[in-house]
Amino acid sequence: MSRANSDGMTNEAGIAYGELIRRQRRSKKMSQEELGALVSVGKNAVGAWEAGRSRPDVGSVPVICRALDLSLDEFFGLQETARIDPGNQMETNEASELIRRYAALNPYNRQVVMREMEMLYDMQGSMKKPPRRVIRLYQNDMAASAGPGETLEAARGEEVYVYADPVTETADEIIRVNGNSMEPTYCDGDLVFVRHAASLQEGEIGIFVTGDTGYIKEYHRDGLYSHNPAYQPIIFSEGTEVRCIGRVIGKVSQDDWADDESIEKWKTANRKGR
């Protein structure tokens, strides 16, 4: 069964139990007091169910269903599920059988079952996904220009931590994009993963340095090209030294950054491994 939310308890079809009871009771022109008498509870208990402040004891559900001409499947929304996905018929039958067996237990054993179910539910809800592996990379403080040109000094930067995946596992550093000449592929302020390489294939995007100026551009044999048509290719004269720093292999997203807990676990594991 679903847990309580702001609208009270809901069944598998998303219908609030209180609303289902109220609707069915009214359709039978039955008062809260009359329904309470049939279920051996007071009028206030029925009112609390219908207002979503509490739920009926599972052992009372079969009695409620008989009084309101509802099947157990209808009450728990399992019939809706079965109509949507016929493959759920086994789950429907299973749930109905569990309810019938629960209703046959004495009050003490019902409490035992409910406590065990609550414990299992809480345990299941608290289970966390396996921790993601963390990678430490170097993030260069200086930007690779996607505009007129900006100094790129590999000596400046800091260590950062990202989650491992096929891109980050092959990256050597992170570099920031400056300017808009590579839009729409890369925008001003974007961070990119770079894999160090001395040369690139034609059409690949890389980080290049000439003198003390770094660029992020698309490599072609005759020069370095921007993706923004407002910018002309950079064509270097013969004899100009142009050094390739590496290939741009992806853009850093917010989800790539490792959280503090994962970083601390990584550091602890590495300290123990020394």
C-alpha atoms as a PDB file:
ATOM      1  CA  MET A   1       0.000   0.000   0.000  1.00  0.00           C
ATOM      2  CA  SER A   2       1.061   3.558  -0.590  1.00  0.00           C
ATOM      3  CA  ARG A   3       2.031   5.694   2.382  1.00  0.00           C
ATOM      4  CA  ALA A   4       0.230   8.815   3.541  1.00  0.00           C
ATOM      5  CA  ASN A   5       0.731  12.032   1.671  1.00  0.00           C
ATOM      6  CA  SER A   6      -0.802  15.469   1.906  1.00  0.00           C
ATOM      7  CA  ASP A   7      -4.060  14.074   0.497  1.00  0.00           C
ATOM      8  CA  GLY A   8      -4.180  11.073   2.865  1.00  0.00           C
ATOM      9  CA  MET A   9      -3.648   7.411   2.048  1.00  0.00           C
ATOM     10  CA  THR A  10      -3.900   6.436  -1.617  1.00  0.00           C
ATOM     11  CA  ASN A  11      -4.244   3.060  -3.289  1.00  0.00           C
ATOM     12  CA  GLU A  12      -2.214   1.686  -6.195  1.00  0.00           C
ATOM     13  CA  ALA A  13      -4.433   3.532  -8.679  1.00  0.00           C
ATOM     14  CA  GLY A  14      -3.675   6.830  -6.906  1.00  0.00           C
ATOM     15  CA  ILE A  15      -7.200   7.166  -5.438  1.00  0.00           C
ATOM     16  CA  ALA A  16      -7.380   8.297  -1.800  1.00  0.00           C
ATOM     17  CA  TYR A  17      -8.937   5.599   0.380  1.00  0.00           C
ATOM     18  CA  GLY A  18     -10.965   8.249   2.178  1.00  0.00           C
ATOM     19  CA  GLU A  19     -12.413   9.555  -1.074  1.00  0.00           C
ATOM     20  CA  LEU A  20     -13.199   6.007  -2.229  1.00  0.00           C
ATOM     21  CA  ILE A  21     -15.017   5.213   1.032  1.00  0.00           C
ATOM     22  CA  ARG A  22     -16.926   8.524   1.002  1.00  0.00           C
ATOM     23  CA  ARG A  23     -17.948   8.163  -2.637  1.00  0.00           C
ATOM     24  CA  GLN A  24     -19.122   4.579  -2.265  1.00  0.00           C
ATOM     25  CA  ARG A  25     -20.899   5.267   1.046  1.00  0.00           C
ATOM     26  CA  ARG A  26     -22.834   8.176  -0.431  1.00  0.00           C
ATOM     27  CA  SER A  27     -23.756   6.173  -3.530  1.00  0.00           C
ATOM     28  CA  LYS A  28     -25.378   3.651  -1.193  1.00  0.00           C
ATOM     29  CA  LYS A  29     -27.093   6.510   0.750  1.00  0.00           C
ATOM     30  CA  MET A  30     -25.408   5.329   3.919  1.00  0.00           C
ATOM     31  CA  SER A  31     -24.408   7.612   6.800  1.00  0.00           C
ATOM     32  CA  GLN A  32     -21.019   7.554   8.492  1.00  0.00           C
ATOM     33  CA  GLU A  33     -22.707   6.237  11.600  1.00  0.00           C
ATOM     34  CA  GLU A  34     -24.329   3.370   9.673  1.00  0.00           C
ATOM     35  CA  LEU A  35     -21.065   2.357   8.037  1.00  0.00           C
ATOM     36  CA  GLY A  36     -19.281   2.555  11.387  1.00  0.00           C
ATOM     37  CA  ALA A  37     -21.848   0.243  12.935  1.00  0.00           C
ATOM     38  CA  LEU A  38     -21.346  -2.346  10.181  1.00  0.00           C
ATOM     39  CA  VAL A  39     -17.561  -2.225  10.621  1.00  0.00           C
ATOM     40  CA  SER A  40     -17.770  -2.086  14.433  1.00  0.00           C
ATOM     41  CA  VAL A  41     -16.171   1.348  14.694  1.00  0.00           C
ATOM     42  CA  GLY A  42     -17.578   4.736  15.636  1.00  0.00           C
ATOM     43  CA  LYS A  43     -18.780   7.535  13.375  1.00  0.00           C
ATOM     44  CA  ASN A  44     -15.621   9.509  14.180  1.00  0.00           C
ATOM     45  CA  ALA A  45     -13.409   6.722  12.836  1.00  0.00           C
ATOM     46  CA  VAL A  46     -15.233   6.737   9.504  1.00  0.00           C
ATOM     47  CA  GLY A  47     -14.950  10.530   9.391  1.00  0.00           C
ATOM     48  CA  ALA A  48     -11.186  10.284  10.018  1.00  0.00           C
ATOM     49  CA  TRP A  49     -10.802   7.778   7.162  1.00  0.00           C
ATOM     50  CA  GLU A  50     -12.710   9.983   4.756  1.00  0.00           C
ATOM     51  CA  ALA A  51     -10.727  13.076   5.778  1.00  0.00           C
ATOM     52  CA  GLY A  52      -7.434  11.226   5.228  1.00  0.00           C
ATOM     53  CA  ARG A  53      -6.379  11.574   8.880  1.00  0.00           C
ATOM     54  CA  SER A  54      -6.122   7.806   9.364  1.00  0.00           C
ATOM     55  CA  ARG A  55      -6.588   4.579   7.460  1.00  0.00           C
ATOM     56  CA  PRO A  56      -8.757   1.564   8.219  1.00  0.00           C
ATOM     57  CA  ASP A  57      -7.061  -1.373   9.874  1.00  0.00           C
ATOM     58  CA  VAL A  58      -6.289  -3.888   7.156  1.00  0.00           C
ATOM     59  CA  GLY A  59      -8.379  -6.457   9.018  1.00  0.00           C
ATOM     60  CA  SER A  60     -11.413  -4.174   8.678  1.00  0.00           C
ATOM     61  CA  VAL A  61     -10.981  -3.762   4.931  1.00  0.00           C
ATOM     62  CA  PRO A  62     -12.904  -6.930   3.929  1.00  0.00           C
ATOM     63  CA  VAL A  63     -15.821  -5.814   6.137  1.00  0.00           C
ATOM     64  CA  ILE A  64     -15.759  -2.320   4.611  1.00  0.00           C
ATOM     65  CA  CYS A  65     -15.695  -3.817   1.134  1.00  0.00           C
ATOM     66  CA  ARG A  66     -18.693  -6.040   1.858  1.00  0.00           C
ATOM     67  CA  ALA A  67     -20.617  -3.113   3.326  1.00  0.00           C
ATOM     68  CA  LEU A  68     -19.863  -0.899   0.319  1.00  0.00           C
ATOM     69  CA  ASP A  69     -20.098  -3.591  -2.387  1.00  0.00           C
ATOM     70  CA  LEU A  70     -16.432  -3.251  -3.310  1.00  0.00           C
ATOM     71  CA  SER A  71     -13.984  -6.004  -4.140  1.00  0.00           C
ATOM     72  CA  LEU A  72     -10.584  -6.055  -2.438  1.00  0.00           C
ATOM     73  CA  ASP A  73      -8.976  -5.406  -5.810  1.00  0.00           C
ATOM     74  CA  GLU A  74     -11.141  -2.332  -6.353  1.00  0.00           C
ATOM     75  CA  PHE A  75     -10.384  -1.026  -2.869  1.00  0.00           C
ATOM     76  CA  PHE A  76      -6.610  -1.324  -3.314  1.00  0.00           C
ATOM     77  CA  GLY A  77      -6.661  -0.121  -6.919  1.00  0.00           C
ATOM     78  CA  LEU A  78      -5.275  -3.408  -8.189  1.00  0.00           C
ATOM     79  CA  GLN A  79      -7.997  -3.832 -10.784  1.00  0.00           C
ATOM     80  CA  GLU A  80      -6.922  -0.541 -12.384  1.00  0.00           C
ATOM     81  CA  THR A  81      -3.336  -1.781 -12.527  1.00  0.00           C
ATOM     82  CA  ALA A  82      -4.358  -5.088 -14.061  1.00  0.00           C
ATOM     83  CA  ARG A  83      -6.299  -3.307 -16.809  1.00  0.00           C
ATOM     84  CA  ILE A  84      -3.318  -1.155 -17.676  1.00  0.00           C
ATOM     85  CA  ASP A  85      -0.827  -4.030 -17.617  1.00  0.00           C
ATOM     86  CA  PRO A  86      -2.217  -7.570 -17.884  1.00  0.00           C
ATOM     87  CA  GLY A  87       1.193  -8.861 -16.802  1.00  0.00           C
ATOM     88  CA  ASN A  88       0.405  -7.609 -13.277  1.00  0.00           C
ATOM     89  CA  GLN A  89      -2.339 -10.222 -12.793  1.00  0.00           C
ATOM     90  CA  MET A  90      -0.013 -12.360 -10.687  1.00  0.00           C
ATOM     91  CA  GLU A  91       0.702  -9.394  -8.378  1.00  0.00           C
ATOM     92  CA  THR A  92      -3.043  -8.698  -8.166  1.00  0.00           C
ATOM     93  CA  ASN A  93      -3.853 -12.256  -7.075  1.00  0.00           C
ATOM     94  CA  GLU A  94      -0.927 -12.281  -4.679  1.00  0.00           C
ATOM     95  CA  ALA A  95      -2.026  -9.058  -2.983  1.00  0.00           C
ATOM     96  CA  SER A  96      -5.610 -10.269  -2.659  1.00  0.00           C
ATOM     97  CA  GLU A  97      -4.468 -13.509  -1.058  1.00  0.00           C
ATOM     98  CA  LEU A  98      -2.275 -11.626   1.415  1.00  0.00           C
ATOM     99  CA  ILE A  99      -5.223  -9.464   2.467  1.00  0.00           C
ATOM    100  CA  ARG A 100      -7.478 -12.493   2.937  1.00  0.00           C
ATOM    101  CA  ARG A 101      -4.886 -14.249   5.090  1.00  0.00           C
ATOM    102  CA  TYR A 102      -4.270 -11.115   7.139  1.00  0.00           C
ATOM    103  CA  ALA A 103      -7.987 -10.747   7.798  1.00  0.00           C
ATOM    104  CA  ALA A 104      -8.031 -14.306   9.231  1.00  0.00           C
ATOM    105  CA  LEU A 105      -5.373 -13.499  11.857  1.00  0.00           C
ATOM    106  CA  ASN A 106      -6.196 -12.580  15.429  1.00  0.00           C
ATOM    107  CA  PRO A 107      -5.575  -8.934  16.535  1.00  0.00           C
ATOM    108  CA  TYR A 108      -2.223  -9.714  18.168  1.00  0.00           C
ATOM    109  CA  ASN A 109      -0.815 -11.456  15.079  1.00  0.00           C
ATOM    110  CA  ARG A 110      -2.065  -8.630  12.880  1.00  0.00           C
ATOM    111  CA  GLN A 111       0.004  -6.206  14.957  1.00  0.00           C
ATOM    112  CA  VAL A 112       3.049  -8.450  14.565  1.00  0.00           C
ATOM    113  CA  VAL A 113       2.597  -8.559  10.786  1.00  0.00           C
ATOM    114  CA  MET A 114       2.126  -4.777  10.556  1.00  0.00           C
ATOM    115  CA  ARG A 115       5.272  -4.109  12.614  1.00  0.00           C
ATOM    116  CA  GLU A 116       7.287  -6.446  10.400  1.00  0.00           C
ATOM    117  CA  MET A 117       5.896  -4.845   7.245  1.00  0.00           C
ATOM    118  CA  GLU A 118       6.699  -1.352   8.511  1.00  0.00           C
ATOM    119  CA  MET A 119      10.249  -2.423   9.342  1.00  0.00           C
ATOM    120  CA  LEU A 120      10.766  -3.980   5.901  1.00  0.00           C
ATOM    121  CA  TYR A 121       9.236  -0.937   4.202  1.00  0.00           C
ATOM    122  CA  ASP A 122      11.568   1.410   6.076  1.00  0.00           C
ATOM    123  CA  MET A 123      14.587  -0.781   5.333  1.00  0.00           C
ATOM    124  CA  GLN A 124      13.723  -0.857   1.651  1.00  0.00           C
ATOM    125  CA  GLY A 125      13.223   2.907   1.539  1.00  0.00           C
ATOM    126  CA  SER A 126      16.525   3.578   3.256  1.00  0.00           C
ATOM    127  CA  MET A 127      18.554   1.439   0.885  1.00  0.00           C
ATOM    128  CA  LYS A 128      20.952   3.624  -1.060  1.00  0.00           C
ATOM    129  CA  LYS A 129      22.324   3.095  -4.520  1.00  0.00           C
ATOM    130  CA  PRO A 130      25.875   1.716  -4.630  1.00  0.00           C
ATOM    131  CA  PRO A 131      28.412   4.549  -4.251  1.00  0.00           C
ATOM    132  CA  ARG A 132      29.736   5.920  -7.533  1.00  0.00           C
ATOM    133  CA  ARG A 133      33.468   5.804  -8.154  1.00  0.00           C
ATOM    134  CA  VAL A 134      35.273   9.131  -7.956  1.00  0.00           C
ATOM    135  CA  ILE A 135      38.120  10.467 -10.116  1.00  0.00           C
ATOM    136  CA  ARG A 136      40.468  13.317  -9.241  1.00  0.00           C
ATOM    137  CA  LEU A 137      41.275  15.740 -12.066  1.00  0.00           C
ATOM    138  CA  TYR A 138      43.159  19.000 -12.486  1.00  0.00           C
ATOM    139  CA  GLN A 139      41.073  22.059 -13.329  1.00  0.00           C
ATOM    140  CA  ASN A 140      43.046  24.777 -15.047  1.00  0.00           C
ATOM    141  CA  ASP A 141      42.302  28.245 -13.677  1.00  0.00           C
ATOM    142  CA  MET A 142      43.008  29.888 -16.989  1.00  0.00           C
ATOM    143  CA  ALA A 143      40.566  29.706 -19.879  1.00  0.00           C
ATOM    144  CA  ALA A 144      41.059  28.564 -23.449  1.00  0.00           C
ATOM    145  CA  SER A 145      39.859  31.375 -25.641  1.00  0.00           C
ATOM    146  CA  ALA A 146      36.808  31.038 -27.808  1.00  0.00           C
ATOM    147  CA  GLY A 147      37.311  34.686 -28.665  1.00  0.00           C
ATOM    148  CA  PRO A 148      40.278  36.945 -29.350  1.00  0.00           C
ATOM    149  CA  GLY A 149      42.736  34.923 -27.230  1.00  0.00           C
ATOM    150  CA  GLU A 150      43.622  34.448 -23.580  1.00  0.00           C
ATOM    151  CA  THR A 151      46.696  33.208 -21.773  1.00  0.00           C
ATOM    152  CA  LEU A 152      46.590  29.527 -20.830  1.00  0.00           C
ATOM    153  CA  GLU A 153      49.000  28.667 -18.027  1.00  0.00           C
ATOM    154  CA  ALA A 154      49.002  24.985 -17.054  1.00  0.00           C
ATOM    155  CA  ALA A 155      50.837  25.787 -13.828  1.00  0.00           C
ATOM    156  CA  ARG A 156      47.739  27.364 -12.292  1.00  0.00           C
ATOM    157  CA  GLY A 157      44.683  25.465 -11.091  1.00  0.00           C
ATOM    158  CA  GLU A 158      43.332  23.071  -8.490  1.00  0.00           C
ATOM    159  CA  GLU A 159      42.392  19.450  -7.973  1.00  0.00           C
ATOM    160  CA  VAL A 160      38.696  18.656  -8.415  1.00  0.00           C
ATOM    161  CA  TYR A 161      36.630  15.489  -8.085  1.00  0.00           C
ATOM    162  CA  VAL A 162      34.157  14.058 -10.591  1.00  0.00           C
ATOM    163  CA  TYR A 163      32.250  10.799 -10.894  1.00  0.00           C
ATOM    164  CA  ALA A 164      33.778   8.101 -13.071  1.00  0.00           C
ATOM    165  CA  ASP A 165      32.253   7.412 -16.479  1.00  0.00           C
ATOM    166  CA  PRO A 166      33.649   6.662 -19.970  1.00  0.00           C
ATOM    167  CA  VAL A 167      34.404  10.360 -20.559  1.00  0.00           C
ATOM    168  CA  THR A 168      35.883  11.373 -17.225  1.00  0.00           C
ATOM    169  CA  GLU A 169      37.996   8.215 -17.037  1.00  0.00           C
ATOM    170  CA  THR A 170      39.904   9.276 -20.153  1.00  0.00           C
ATOM    171  CA  ALA A 171      40.180  12.992 -19.293  1.00  0.00           C
ATOM    172  CA  ASP A 172      43.426  14.557 -18.069  1.00  0.00           C
ATOM    173  CA  GLU A 173      42.194  17.995 -17.058  1.00  0.00           C
ATOM    174  CA  ILE A 174      39.303  20.455 -17.136  1.00  0.00           C
ATOM    175  CA  ILE A 175      39.551  23.798 -18.928  1.00  0.00           C
ATOM    176  CA  ARG A 176      37.107  26.712 -19.027  1.00  0.00           C
ATOM    177  CA  VAL A 177      35.855  28.223 -22.281  1.00  0.00           C
ATOM    178  CA  ASN A 178      36.148  31.986 -22.659  1.00  0.00           C
ATOM    179  CA  GLY A 179      34.188  33.862 -25.334  1.00  0.00           C
ATOM    180  CA  ASN A 180      31.450  32.921 -27.798  1.00  0.00           C
ATOM    181  CA  SER A 181      33.273  31.918 -30.966  1.00  0.00           C
ATOM    182  CA  MET A 182      32.493  28.205 -30.404  1.00  0.00           C
ATOM    183  CA  GLU A 183      28.759  28.712 -29.897  1.00  0.00           C
ATOM    184  CA  PRO A 184      26.462  26.873 -30.042  1.00  0.00           C
ATOM    185  CA  THR A 185      28.719  23.885 -29.299  1.00  0.00           C
ATOM    186  CA  TYR A 186      30.537  25.494 -26.378  1.00  0.00           C
ATOM    187  CA  CYS A 187      29.513  28.731 -24.689  1.00  0.00           C
ATOM    188  CA  ASP A 188      31.336  31.289 -22.605  1.00  0.00           C
ATOM    189  CA  GLY A 189      31.976  29.843 -19.143  1.00  0.00           C
ATOM    190  CA  ASP A 190      31.506  26.189 -20.101  1.00  0.00           C
ATOM    191  CA  LEU A 191      33.943  23.711 -18.606  1.00  0.00           C
ATOM    192  CA  VAL A 192      35.276  20.988 -20.882  1.00  0.00           C
ATOM    193  CA  PHE A 193      37.078  17.709 -20.331  1.00  0.00           C
ATOM    194  CA  VAL A 194      40.395  17.561 -22.171  1.00  0.00           C
ATOM    195  CA  ARG A 195      42.455  14.493 -23.024  1.00  0.00           C
ATOM    196  CA  HIS A 196      46.090  15.356 -23.633  1.00  0.00           C
ATOM    197  CA  ALA A 197      47.246  14.743 -27.190  1.00  0.00           C
ATOM    198  CA  ALA A 198      50.076  16.102 -29.324  1.00  0.00           C
ATOM    199  CA  SER A 199      47.974  16.085 -32.506  1.00  0.00           C
ATOM    200  CA  LEU A 200      44.373  15.802 -33.669  1.00  0.00           C
ATOM    201  CA  GLN A 201      42.476  14.426 -36.609  1.00  0.00           C
ATOM    202  CA  GLU A 202      40.895  16.945 -38.950  1.00  0.00           C
ATOM    203  CA  GLY A 203      37.509  18.098 -37.649  1.00  0.00           C
ATOM    204  CA  GLU A 204      38.258  17.351 -33.997  1.00  0.00           C
ATOM    205  CA  ILE A 205      37.958  20.083 -31.367  1.00  0.00           C
ATOM    206  CA  GLY A 206      40.998  20.722 -29.268  1.00  0.00           C
ATOM    207  CA  ILE A 207      42.977  23.099 -27.089  1.00  0.00           C
ATOM    208  CA  PHE A 208      45.834  24.859 -28.869  1.00  0.00           C
ATOM    209  CA  VAL A 209      48.548  27.208 -27.653  1.00  0.00           C
ATOM    210  CA  THR A 210      50.634  29.616 -29.629  1.00  0.00           C
ATOM    211  CA  GLY A 211      53.011  31.827 -27.680  1.00  0.00           C
ATOM    212  CA  ASP A 212      51.172  32.420 -24.402  1.00  0.00           C
ATOM    213  CA  THR A 213      47.664  32.335 -25.896  1.00  0.00           C
ATOM    214  CA  GLY A 214      45.359  29.343 -25.666  1.00  0.00           C
ATOM    215  CA  TYR A 215      42.442  28.594 -27.971  1.00  0.00           C
ATOM    216  CA  ILE A 216      39.594  26.088 -28.130  1.00  0.00           C
ATOM    217  CA  LYS A 217      38.930  25.506 -31.832  1.00  0.00           C
ATOM    218  CA  GLU A 218      38.117  22.912 -34.455  1.00  0.00           C
ATOM    219  CA  TYR A 219      41.275  21.681 -36.136  1.00  0.00           C
ATOM    220  CA  HIS A 220      41.733  21.733 -39.924  1.00  0.00           C
ATOM    221  CA  ARG A 221      44.944  21.455 -41.869  1.00  0.00           C
ATOM    222  CA  ASP A 222      44.781  25.059 -42.988  1.00  0.00           C
ATOM    223  CA  GLY A 223      43.898  26.571 -39.594  1.00  0.00           C
ATOM    224  CA  LEU A 224      41.730  26.626 -36.497  1.00  0.00           C
ATOM    225  CA  TYR A 225      38.007  27.146 -37.038  1.00  0.00           C
ATOM    226  CA  SER A 226      35.227  28.589 -34.869  1.00  0.00           C
ATOM    227  CA  HIS A 227      31.660  27.267 -34.851  1.00  0.00           C
ATOM    228  CA  ASN A 228      30.194  30.752 -34.622  1.00  0.00           C
ATOM    229  CA  PRO A 229      30.004  31.990 -38.264  1.00  0.00           C
ATOM    230  CA  ALA A 230      30.722  35.538 -37.070  1.00  0.00           C
ATOM    231  CA  TYR A 231      34.361  34.550 -36.487  1.00  0.00           C
ATOM    232  CA  GLN A 232      36.919  33.984 -39.225  1.00  0.00           C
ATOM    233  CA  PRO A 233      39.305  30.990 -39.097  1.00  0.00           C
ATOM    234  CA  ILE A 234      42.657  31.545 -37.441  1.00  0.00           C
ATOM    235  CA  ILE A 235      45.273  30.971 -40.095  1.00  0.00           C
ATOM    236  CA  PHE A 236      48.843  30.989 -38.816  1.00  0.00           C
ATOM    237  CA  SER A 237      51.731  32.071 -41.003  1.00  0.00           C
ATOM    238  CA  GLU A 238      54.457  29.604 -41.869  1.00  0.00           C
ATOM    239  CA  GLY A 239      56.942  29.234 -39.039  1.00  0.00           C
ATOM    240  CA  THR A 240      54.440  30.088 -36.296  1.00  0.00           C
ATOM    241  CA  GLU A 241      54.632  27.493 -33.559  1.00  0.00           C
ATOM    242  CA  VAL A 242      51.216  26.069 -32.683  1.00  0.00           C
ATOM    243  CA  ARG A 243      51.146  23.442 -29.975  1.00  0.00           C
ATOM    244  CA  CYS A 244      48.244  21.062 -29.405  1.00  0.00           C
ATOM    245  CA  ILE A 245      47.441  20.558 -25.724  1.00  0.00           C
ATOM    246  CA  GLY A 246      44.708  17.996 -26.149  1.00  0.00           C
ATOM    247  CA  ARG A 247      41.381  16.879 -27.531  1.00  0.00           C
ATOM    248  CA  VAL A 248      38.087  18.177 -26.084  1.00  0.00           C
ATOM    249  CA  ILE A 249      36.112  15.029 -25.220  1.00  0.00           C
ATOM    250  CA  GLY A 250      33.042  16.442 -23.507  1.00  0.00           C
ATOM    251  CA  LYS A 251      31.365  19.202 -21.557  1.00  0.00           C
ATOM    252  CA  VAL A 252      31.243  19.168 -17.767  1.00  0.00           C
ATOM    253  CA  SER A 253      27.689  18.997 -16.426  1.00  0.00           C
ATOM    254  CA  GLN A 254      26.445  19.650 -12.906  1.00  0.00           C
ATOM    255  CA  ASP A 255      25.881  15.928 -12.414  1.00  0.00           C
ATOM    256  CA  ASP A 256      29.552  15.186 -13.081  1.00  0.00           C
ATOM    257  CA  TRP A 257      30.747  16.811  -9.850  1.00  0.00           C
ATOM    258  CA  ALA A 258      31.187  14.380  -6.969  1.00  0.00           C
ATOM    259  CA  ASP A 259      29.377  15.312  -3.755  1.00  0.00           C
ATOM    260  CA  ASP A 260      31.189  15.879  -0.449  1.00  0.00           C
ATOM    261  CA  GLU A 261      30.301  12.451   0.940  1.00  0.00           C
ATOM    262  CA  SER A 262      31.684  10.659  -2.120  1.00  0.00           C
ATOM    263  CA  ILE A 263      34.861  12.761  -2.055  1.00  0.00           C
ATOM    264  CA  GLU A 264      35.464  12.013   1.621  1.00  0.00           C
ATOM    265  CA  LYS A 265      34.996   8.282   1.023  1.00  0.00           C
ATOM    266  CA  TRP A 266      37.463   8.474  -1.855  1.00  0.00           C
ATOM    267  CA  LYS A 267      40.043  10.259   0.291  1.00  0.00           C
ATOM    268  CA  THR A 268      39.560   7.783   3.159  1.00  0.00           C
ATOM    269  CA  ALA A 269      39.988   4.817   0.822  1.00  0.00           C
ATOM    270  CA  ASN A 270      43.142   6.318  -0.644  1.00  0.00           C
ATOM    271  CA  ARG A 271      44.608   7.003   2.820  1.00  0.00           C
ATOM    272  CA  LYS A 272      43.988   3.379   3.799  1.00  0.00           C
ATOM    273  CA  GLY A 273      45.571   2.198   0.559  1.00  0.00           C
ATOM    274  CA  ARG A 274      48.896   3.874   1.276  1.00  0.00           C
END
